[in-house]
Amino acid sequence: MDLGRFLVEAVVVSGASPNQLARSHPISRSWLFRLLGRYKQGGLAAVEPRSRRPKSSPSRTPAEVQQAIVELRQELVAQGLDAGAQTIAHHLAMRLGSAPSRSTIWRILKAEGLITPEPHKRPKSSWNRFQAELPNQLWQADATHWRLANGSEVEILNLIDDHSRFCLASVAYPTIKAADVLEAFTGAGQSYGYPARFLTDNAAVFSGAPRKGRVALESELDRLGIVSSHSSPYHPQTCGKVERFHLTLKRFLSRQAGAESVAHLQLQLDTFRLYYNQQRPHSSARGQTPFQTFHARLKAGPSPASSALQYRVRRDKLDGGGKVTIRHLGRLRHLYVSYKHKRQPVTLLVAGASVKVVAEDGSILRELTLDPERGYQPVGQQARSTMS
């Protein structure tokens, strides 16, 4: 029973003294006499506790805005996209011209039962966190696995800019080969400018060190004046930003219809990459999209002393004699590589007269400068083989 009702009944029914009750309970005489006055006017119902809620609340979020917040949350979750308060505020501002604060959106979602409060985590300021100061100062690359609708496993290569989290490339392959990595890296570099540093793990497609050699990617990075670095074994935190991107991407893919083929999966990757880069605000960029952050500042680049050559990439196959043909200065040039690699797929990196022939595992089968006086380019002093 409520204390106020108990005291009123003690006075009215039992005839207790109001002054005595006020002295023996933690209440004031004036409050007790106000209760007795309310009882005389409306009976016991008037003694019940009254709500302290104001009759009007001008600062209350309008009902239509609350509904829009709930609908946005459900829409983003259904698509497998980030549905936090910051992202909802960003989309709401684009739709309505303004949006409540993130804390207000969080409270509305909590009241609707759409989020569950979590225990306080370690503050981000306590972590030793590295972030490149400029776009293109550092790129990160890594591969991850995914399954098609028929259960077959494929691989996805992701490249991101460390400063802005801008996704430079997201490409699906049946199996990633070293030549694929080089082609994706070259395409990203030609579109957005080459980085000063390139960070990967120690997978065979990125590094030839486990085989005590070098892959074509490493050779190309050296030529461009780009510093190549690799994470420590069993320490994925070094490439933490691209690892985190894998999770965000897979959450989106898990909400889509199962991809029937690599081409179908690539369409889904392109859709997500467009949204991620240009529509989704990133918490590390103070609410800006990766696209805005990437283009907001001057970009870093390779060492100025690096070569100015820009290679074009061409896929081909060695013939039965271990040769490949390329057109240079209007004539076909026949490059002998090796009879041991006959009929094997290769990647040609061509920059004017400079040519590299790269195997599927990334090893450089032959590197030479074309002799314009010869149609057949024999293996000699300037046509050296650098097998790895």
Protein backbone atom coordinates (compact mmCIF):
# COMPACT_ATOMS: atom_id res chain seq x y z
CA MET A 1 0.00 0.00 0.00
CA ASP A 2 1.22 3.51 -0.80
CA LEU A 3 2.43 5.52 2.22
CA GLY A 4 0.10 8.44 1.46
CA ARG A 5 -2.97 6.22 1.35
CA PHE A 6 -1.87 4.43 4.55
CA LEU A 7 -1.58 7.73 6.44
CA VAL A 8 -4.90 9.07 5.16
CA GLU A 9 -6.71 5.88 6.19
CA ALA A 10 -4.98 6.05 9.59
CA VAL A 11 -6.46 9.51 10.15
CA VAL A 12 -9.90 8.93 8.60
CA VAL A 13 -10.61 5.34 9.69
CA SER A 14 -8.57 4.95 12.88
CA GLY A 15 -8.76 8.56 14.08
CA ALA A 16 -4.98 8.93 14.45
CA SER A 17 -3.54 12.40 15.06
CA PRO A 18 -2.02 13.98 11.91
CA ASN A 19 0.63 15.72 14.04
CA GLN A 20 1.61 12.44 15.71
CA LEU A 21 1.82 10.65 12.34
CA ALA A 22 3.99 13.42 10.90
CA ARG A 23 6.43 13.09 13.82
CA SER A 24 6.62 9.28 13.60
CA HIS A 25 7.07 9.07 9.80
CA PRO A 26 9.61 10.71 7.46
CA ILE A 27 7.06 13.22 6.12
CA SER A 28 6.15 16.84 6.66
CA ARG A 29 2.88 18.03 8.26
CA SER A 30 2.08 20.21 5.23
CA TRP A 31 2.31 17.22 2.84
CA LEU A 32 0.00 15.13 5.06
CA PHE A 33 -2.59 17.92 5.31
CA ARG A 34 -2.48 18.34 1.50
CA LEU A 35 -3.27 14.61 1.16
CA LEU A 36 -6.18 14.99 3.57
CA GLY A 37 -7.49 17.94 1.52
CA ARG A 38 -7.30 15.88 -1.70
CA TYR A 39 -9.16 13.04 0.08
CA LYS A 40 -12.03 15.36 1.07
CA GLN A 41 -12.36 16.51 -2.55
CA GLY A 42 -12.02 13.19 -4.42
CA GLY A 43 -11.85 10.28 -2.01
CA LEU A 44 -9.09 7.69 -1.88
CA ALA A 45 -8.56 7.83 -5.65
CA ALA A 46 -7.36 11.42 -5.30
CA VAL A 47 -4.67 10.32 -2.84
CA GLU A 48 -2.89 8.01 -5.33
CA PRO A 49 0.53 9.25 -6.57
CA ARG A 50 0.29 11.64 -9.50
CA SER A 51 2.52 11.57 -12.60
CA ARG A 52 5.24 14.20 -12.73
CA ARG A 53 5.25 14.10 -16.51
CA PRO A 54 4.68 17.57 -17.99
CA LYS A 55 1.48 18.20 -19.91
CA SER A 56 3.51 19.24 -22.95
CA SER A 57 7.10 18.66 -24.14
CA PRO A 58 8.09 21.06 -26.95
CA SER A 59 11.54 19.45 -27.34
CA ARG A 60 10.16 15.92 -27.75
CA THR A 61 11.13 14.24 -31.03
CA PRO A 62 8.08 14.33 -33.35
CA ALA A 63 6.29 11.02 -33.82
CA GLU A 64 6.94 11.02 -37.59
CA VAL A 65 10.69 11.38 -36.99
CA GLN A 66 10.64 8.54 -34.48
CA GLN A 67 8.81 6.38 -37.02
CA ALA A 68 11.39 7.28 -39.69
CA ILE A 69 14.19 6.26 -37.33
CA VAL A 70 12.59 2.88 -36.65
CA GLU A 71 11.95 2.26 -40.36
CA LEU A 72 15.54 3.20 -41.27
CA ARG A 73 16.88 0.84 -38.63
CA GLN A 74 14.80 -2.05 -39.94
CA GLU A 75 15.65 -1.25 -43.56
CA LEU A 76 19.43 -1.12 -42.96
CA VAL A 77 19.42 -4.31 -40.87
CA ALA A 78 17.45 -6.14 -43.56
CA GLN A 79 20.08 -5.18 -46.14
CA GLY A 80 22.97 -6.28 -43.93
CA LEU A 81 24.29 -2.70 -43.65
CA ASP A 82 25.49 -0.79 -40.63
CA ALA A 83 22.43 0.39 -38.66
CA GLY A 84 24.00 2.32 -35.80
CA ALA A 85 22.82 5.71 -34.55
CA GLN A 86 25.45 7.59 -36.56
CA THR A 87 24.49 5.92 -39.83
CA ILE A 88 20.78 6.46 -39.16
CA ALA A 89 21.42 10.15 -38.40
CA HIS A 90 23.34 10.49 -41.68
CA HIS A 91 20.55 8.98 -43.80
CA LEU A 92 17.84 10.83 -41.88
CA ALA A 93 19.53 14.17 -42.51
CA MET A 94 19.64 13.36 -46.24
CA ARG A 95 15.92 12.52 -46.24
CA LEU A 96 14.50 15.17 -43.94
CA GLY A 97 17.18 17.88 -43.98
CA SER A 98 18.01 17.43 -40.29
CA ALA A 99 18.27 14.69 -37.71
CA PRO A 100 18.24 14.31 -33.90
CA SER A 101 21.49 13.72 -32.06
CA ARG A 102 22.99 10.23 -31.98
CA SER A 103 22.13 9.91 -28.28
CA THR A 104 18.48 10.75 -29.00
CA ILE A 105 18.34 8.17 -31.80
CA TRP A 106 19.92 5.60 -29.48
CA ARG A 107 17.28 6.27 -26.79
CA ILE A 108 14.45 5.94 -29.33
CA LEU A 109 15.83 2.62 -30.59
CA LYS A 110 16.22 1.39 -27.02
CA ALA A 111 12.65 2.38 -26.14
CA GLU A 112 11.41 0.45 -29.20
CA GLY A 113 13.33 -2.65 -28.10
CA LEU A 114 15.50 -2.62 -31.24
CA ILE A 115 18.85 -2.56 -29.45
CA THR A 116 20.18 -4.08 -26.28
CA PRO A 117 22.49 -1.91 -24.16
CA GLU A 118 25.93 -3.48 -23.76
CA PRO A 119 28.34 -3.21 -20.82
CA HIS A 120 30.73 -0.30 -21.02
CA LYS A 121 33.75 -1.22 -23.12
CA ARG A 122 37.31 -0.14 -22.82
CA PRO A 123 37.48 3.45 -24.18
CA LYS A 124 38.98 3.76 -27.64
CA SER A 125 41.34 6.47 -26.39
CA SER A 126 43.16 3.85 -24.30
CA TRP A 127 44.29 1.85 -27.35
CA ASN A 128 47.58 2.44 -29.13
CA ARG A 129 46.01 3.01 -32.52
CA PHE A 130 47.77 3.84 -35.77
CA GLN A 131 46.19 5.66 -38.68
CA ALA A 132 47.98 7.08 -41.71
CA GLU A 133 47.91 10.86 -41.76
CA LEU A 134 47.29 11.20 -45.50
CA PRO A 135 45.36 9.33 -48.20
CA ASN A 136 47.59 6.92 -50.15
CA GLN A 137 50.17 6.99 -47.38
CA LEU A 138 49.37 3.34 -46.69
CA TRP A 139 47.23 0.72 -48.39
CA GLN A 140 46.17 -2.56 -46.83
CA ALA A 141 45.25 -5.69 -48.79
CA ASP A 142 43.99 -9.11 -47.80
CA ALA A 143 41.93 -12.01 -49.15
CA THR A 144 38.93 -13.70 -47.56
CA HIS A 145 36.74 -16.70 -48.43
CA TRP A 146 33.04 -16.85 -49.38
CA ARG A 147 30.64 -19.54 -50.59
CA LEU A 148 28.42 -19.36 -53.64
CA ALA A 149 24.82 -20.60 -53.61
CA ASN A 150 25.94 -24.04 -54.86
CA GLY A 151 28.37 -24.41 -51.95
CA SER A 152 31.56 -23.87 -53.94
CA GLU A 153 34.16 -21.70 -52.23
CA VAL A 154 35.60 -18.58 -53.85
CA GLU A 155 37.95 -15.84 -52.70
CA ILE A 156 37.56 -12.07 -52.42
CA LEU A 157 40.51 -9.67 -52.62
CA ASN A 158 40.01 -6.37 -50.78
CA LEU A 159 42.22 -3.27 -50.92
CA ILE A 160 41.55 -0.27 -48.66
CA ASP A 161 43.22 3.03 -47.90
CA ASP A 162 44.40 3.14 -44.27
CA HIS A 163 43.69 6.86 -43.72
CA SER A 164 40.17 7.11 -45.14
CA ARG A 165 39.01 3.43 -45.17
CA PHE A 166 38.20 4.03 -48.85
CA CYS A 167 37.71 0.68 -50.59
CA LEU A 168 40.06 0.78 -53.58
CA ALA A 169 39.10 -2.64 -54.93
CA SER A 170 36.92 -5.60 -54.00
CA VAL A 171 37.24 -8.40 -56.55
CA ALA A 172 36.00 -12.00 -56.55
CA TYR A 173 38.04 -14.89 -57.99
CA PRO A 174 37.61 -18.67 -58.04
CA THR A 175 41.14 -18.79 -56.56
CA ILE A 176 43.34 -15.74 -56.12
CA LYS A 177 46.69 -15.95 -57.89
CA ALA A 178 49.66 -13.62 -57.56
CA ALA A 179 48.97 -12.21 -61.03
CA ASP A 180 45.42 -11.34 -59.92
CA VAL A 181 46.78 -9.36 -56.98
CA LEU A 182 49.14 -7.48 -59.27
CA GLU A 183 46.35 -6.70 -61.73
CA ALA A 184 44.01 -5.43 -58.99
CA PHE A 185 46.79 -3.35 -57.44
CA THR A 186 47.76 -1.84 -60.80
CA GLY A 187 44.14 -1.01 -61.61
CA ALA A 188 43.64 0.71 -58.25
CA GLY A 189 46.89 2.63 -58.64
CA GLN A 190 45.95 3.89 -62.09
CA SER A 191 42.52 5.00 -60.80
CA TYR A 192 43.48 6.60 -57.49
CA GLY A 193 47.25 7.10 -57.56
CA TYR A 194 49.86 4.73 -56.14
CA PRO A 195 50.53 4.57 -52.37
CA ALA A 196 53.73 5.28 -50.50
CA ARG A 197 53.50 1.97 -48.65
CA PHE A 198 51.69 -1.33 -49.19
CA LEU A 199 50.84 -3.62 -46.26
CA THR A 200 49.77 -7.27 -46.53
CA ASP A 201 50.14 -10.54 -44.65
CA ASN A 202 52.62 -13.24 -45.68
CA ALA A 203 50.37 -15.20 -48.05
CA ALA A 204 52.13 -16.64 -51.11
CA VAL A 205 50.25 -14.28 -53.45
CA PHE A 206 51.72 -11.27 -51.62
CA SER A 207 55.20 -12.44 -50.67
CA GLY A 208 57.79 -14.80 -52.07
CA ALA A 209 59.74 -14.90 -48.80
CA PRO A 210 58.36 -18.31 -47.71
CA ARG A 211 59.80 -19.73 -50.95
CA LYS A 212 63.01 -17.67 -50.59
CA GLY A 213 62.17 -15.67 -53.70
CA ARG A 214 60.09 -12.72 -54.85
CA VAL A 215 56.74 -12.48 -56.57
CA ALA A 216 55.90 -10.07 -59.37
CA LEU A 217 54.01 -7.76 -56.99
CA GLU A 218 57.13 -7.19 -54.90
CA SER A 219 59.19 -6.52 -58.01
CA GLU A 220 56.62 -4.00 -59.21
CA LEU A 221 56.51 -2.27 -55.83
CA ASP A 222 60.28 -1.90 -55.89
CA ARG A 223 60.14 -0.47 -59.41
CA LEU A 224 57.50 2.07 -58.39
CA GLY A 225 59.38 3.09 -55.25
CA ILE A 226 56.63 1.77 -52.95
CA VAL A 227 57.65 0.38 -49.58
CA SER A 228 56.39 -3.18 -49.18
CA SER A 229 55.73 -4.48 -45.66
CA HIS A 230 54.14 -7.59 -44.19
CA SER A 231 52.43 -8.33 -40.90
CA SER A 232 53.96 -10.66 -38.33
CA PRO A 233 52.82 -14.29 -38.64
CA TYR A 234 49.64 -15.06 -36.66
CA HIS A 235 49.11 -11.35 -35.91
CA PRO A 236 46.14 -10.18 -38.03
CA GLN A 237 45.80 -7.02 -35.93
CA THR A 238 48.55 -5.45 -38.05
CA CYS A 239 46.15 -5.49 -41.00
CA GLY A 240 43.20 -4.80 -38.71
CA LYS A 241 41.43 -2.26 -40.91
CA VAL A 242 41.09 -4.56 -43.91
CA GLU A 243 40.22 -7.47 -41.59
CA ARG A 244 37.40 -5.36 -40.14
CA PHE A 245 36.28 -4.50 -43.66
CA HIS A 246 35.92 -8.24 -44.36
CA LEU A 247 33.38 -8.49 -41.52
CA THR A 248 31.37 -5.50 -42.72
CA LEU A 249 31.32 -6.89 -46.26
CA LYS A 250 30.28 -10.39 -45.18
CA ARG A 251 27.45 -9.04 -43.04
CA PHE A 252 26.08 -7.40 -46.19
CA LEU A 253 26.60 -10.48 -48.37
CA SER A 254 24.86 -12.72 -45.82
CA ARG A 255 21.65 -10.69 -46.30
CA GLN A 256 21.71 -10.95 -50.10
CA ALA A 257 20.44 -13.75 -52.30
CA GLY A 258 23.12 -16.41 -52.68
CA ALA A 259 25.39 -15.59 -55.62
CA GLU A 260 25.04 -18.13 -58.43
CA SER A 261 28.47 -17.43 -59.93
CA VAL A 262 31.62 -15.37 -59.47
CA ALA A 263 30.17 -12.77 -61.87
CA HIS A 264 26.99 -12.58 -59.77
CA LEU A 265 29.06 -12.17 -56.61
CA GLN A 266 31.07 -9.41 -58.30
CA LEU A 267 27.87 -7.46 -58.94
CA GLN A 268 27.05 -7.69 -55.22
CA LEU A 269 30.58 -6.54 -54.33
CA ASP A 270 30.30 -3.57 -56.69
CA THR A 271 26.95 -2.59 -55.14
CA PHE A 272 28.34 -2.75 -51.62
CA ARG A 273 31.55 -0.91 -52.55
CA LEU A 274 29.55 1.99 -54.02
CA TYR A 275 27.38 2.23 -50.90
CA TYR A 276 30.30 1.81 -48.48
CA ASN A 277 32.46 4.44 -50.18
CA GLN A 278 29.90 7.12 -50.95
CA GLN A 279 26.85 6.71 -48.70
CA ARG A 280 27.91 5.09 -45.42
CA PRO A 281 29.46 7.45 -42.85
CA HIS A 282 32.49 6.00 -41.11
CA SER A 283 32.92 6.46 -37.36
CA SER A 284 36.69 6.95 -37.72
CA ALA A 285 36.09 9.88 -40.11
CA ARG A 286 33.76 11.85 -37.80
CA GLY A 287 30.69 11.00 -39.83
CA GLN A 288 32.16 11.57 -43.29
CA THR A 289 32.06 8.89 -45.95
CA PRO A 290 35.33 7.23 -47.03
CA PHE A 291 34.99 8.96 -50.42
CA GLN A 292 34.81 12.39 -48.78
CA THR A 293 37.75 11.63 -46.49
CA PHE A 294 39.89 10.20 -49.30
CA HIS A 295 39.48 13.35 -51.43
CA ALA A 296 39.59 15.89 -48.59
CA ARG A 297 43.39 16.16 -48.38
CA LEU A 298 46.46 16.06 -50.58
CA LYS A 299 47.56 12.50 -51.23
CA ALA A 300 50.87 10.86 -50.46
CA GLY A 301 52.66 8.80 -53.10
CA PRO A 302 55.71 6.70 -53.92
CA SER A 303 59.25 7.95 -53.68
CA PRO A 304 59.88 10.74 -56.26
CA ALA A 305 62.93 8.80 -57.45
CA SER A 306 60.77 5.88 -58.65
CA SER A 307 60.46 4.96 -62.31
CA ALA A 308 57.75 6.73 -64.33
CA LEU A 309 56.89 3.60 -66.32
CA GLN A 310 53.25 2.52 -66.15
CA TYR A 311 52.67 -1.11 -67.12
CA ARG A 312 49.58 -2.39 -68.88
CA VAL A 313 48.46 -5.90 -67.96
CA ARG A 314 47.67 -8.60 -70.51
CA ARG A 315 46.70 -12.23 -69.97
CA ASP A 316 48.07 -14.82 -72.41
CA LYS A 317 49.24 -18.41 -72.69
CA LEU A 318 52.59 -19.88 -73.74
CA ASP A 319 52.49 -21.98 -76.89
CA GLY A 320 53.74 -25.54 -77.25
CA GLY A 321 57.31 -24.30 -77.62
CA GLY A 322 57.23 -22.15 -74.47
CA LYS A 323 56.91 -18.85 -76.39
CA VAL A 324 54.50 -15.90 -76.29
CA THR A 325 53.86 -13.21 -78.93
CA ILE A 326 53.53 -9.47 -78.44
CA ARG A 327 53.17 -6.58 -80.90
CA HIS A 328 55.72 -3.76 -80.61
CA LEU A 329 56.34 -0.90 -83.08
CA GLY A 330 53.93 -2.45 -85.55
CA ARG A 331 55.63 -5.86 -85.65
CA LEU A 332 55.00 -9.13 -83.86
CA ARG A 333 57.77 -10.07 -81.43
CA HIS A 334 58.23 -13.66 -80.34
CA LEU A 335 59.46 -14.05 -76.76
CA TYR A 336 60.93 -17.37 -75.77
CA VAL A 337 60.29 -18.08 -72.09
CA SER A 338 60.87 -21.75 -71.27
CA TYR A 339 59.89 -25.09 -72.72
CA LYS A 340 59.23 -26.27 -69.13
CA HIS A 341 56.29 -23.86 -68.91
CA LYS A 342 54.71 -24.64 -72.29
CA ARG A 343 50.96 -24.02 -72.56
CA GLN A 344 50.84 -22.41 -69.12
CA PRO A 345 48.80 -19.21 -68.54
CA VAL A 346 50.96 -16.13 -68.00
CA THR A 347 50.49 -12.43 -67.33
CA LEU A 348 52.39 -9.89 -69.44
CA LEU A 349 53.35 -6.54 -67.95
CA VAL A 350 54.14 -4.21 -70.84
CA ALA A 351 55.49 -0.66 -70.67
CA GLY A 352 56.84 0.35 -74.07
CA ALA A 353 59.78 -1.95 -74.78
CA SER A 354 59.93 -3.19 -71.19
CA VAL A 355 58.21 -6.55 -70.71
CA LYS A 356 57.76 -8.94 -67.80
CA VAL A 357 56.32 -12.43 -68.15
CA VAL A 358 54.76 -13.59 -64.88
CA ALA A 359 53.57 -17.08 -63.95
CA GLU A 360 50.30 -17.79 -62.13
CA ASP A 361 52.10 -18.10 -58.79
CA GLY A 362 53.58 -14.63 -59.25
CA SER A 363 57.12 -15.69 -60.13
CA ILE A 364 58.82 -13.73 -62.91
CA LEU A 365 59.56 -16.14 -65.76
CA ARG A 366 61.27 -13.57 -67.93
CA GLU A 367 62.05 -9.85 -67.83
CA LEU A 368 63.53 -8.02 -70.82
CA THR A 369 63.72 -4.93 -72.97
CA LEU A 370 62.60 -5.67 -76.54
CA ASP A 371 65.22 -5.34 -79.26
CA PRO A 372 63.48 -3.40 -82.08
CA GLU A 373 65.81 -4.97 -84.66
CA ARG A 374 64.72 -8.53 -83.85
CA GLY A 375 61.44 -10.29 -84.40
CA TYR A 376 62.53 -13.24 -82.27
CA GLN A 377 63.75 -12.26 -78.81
CA PRO A 378 66.22 -14.95 -77.71
CA VAL A 379 67.33 -15.59 -74.16
CA GLY A 380 70.52 -13.57 -73.82
CA GLN A 381 72.18 -10.87 -71.79
CA GLN A 382 69.29 -8.41 -71.90
CA ALA A 383 66.62 -11.13 -71.87
CA ARG A 384 67.47 -12.63 -68.52
CA SER A 385 65.34 -15.11 -66.61
CA THR A 386 64.63 -14.42 -62.94
CA MET A 387 62.89 -17.55 -61.76
CA SER A 388 61.79 -17.45 -58.13
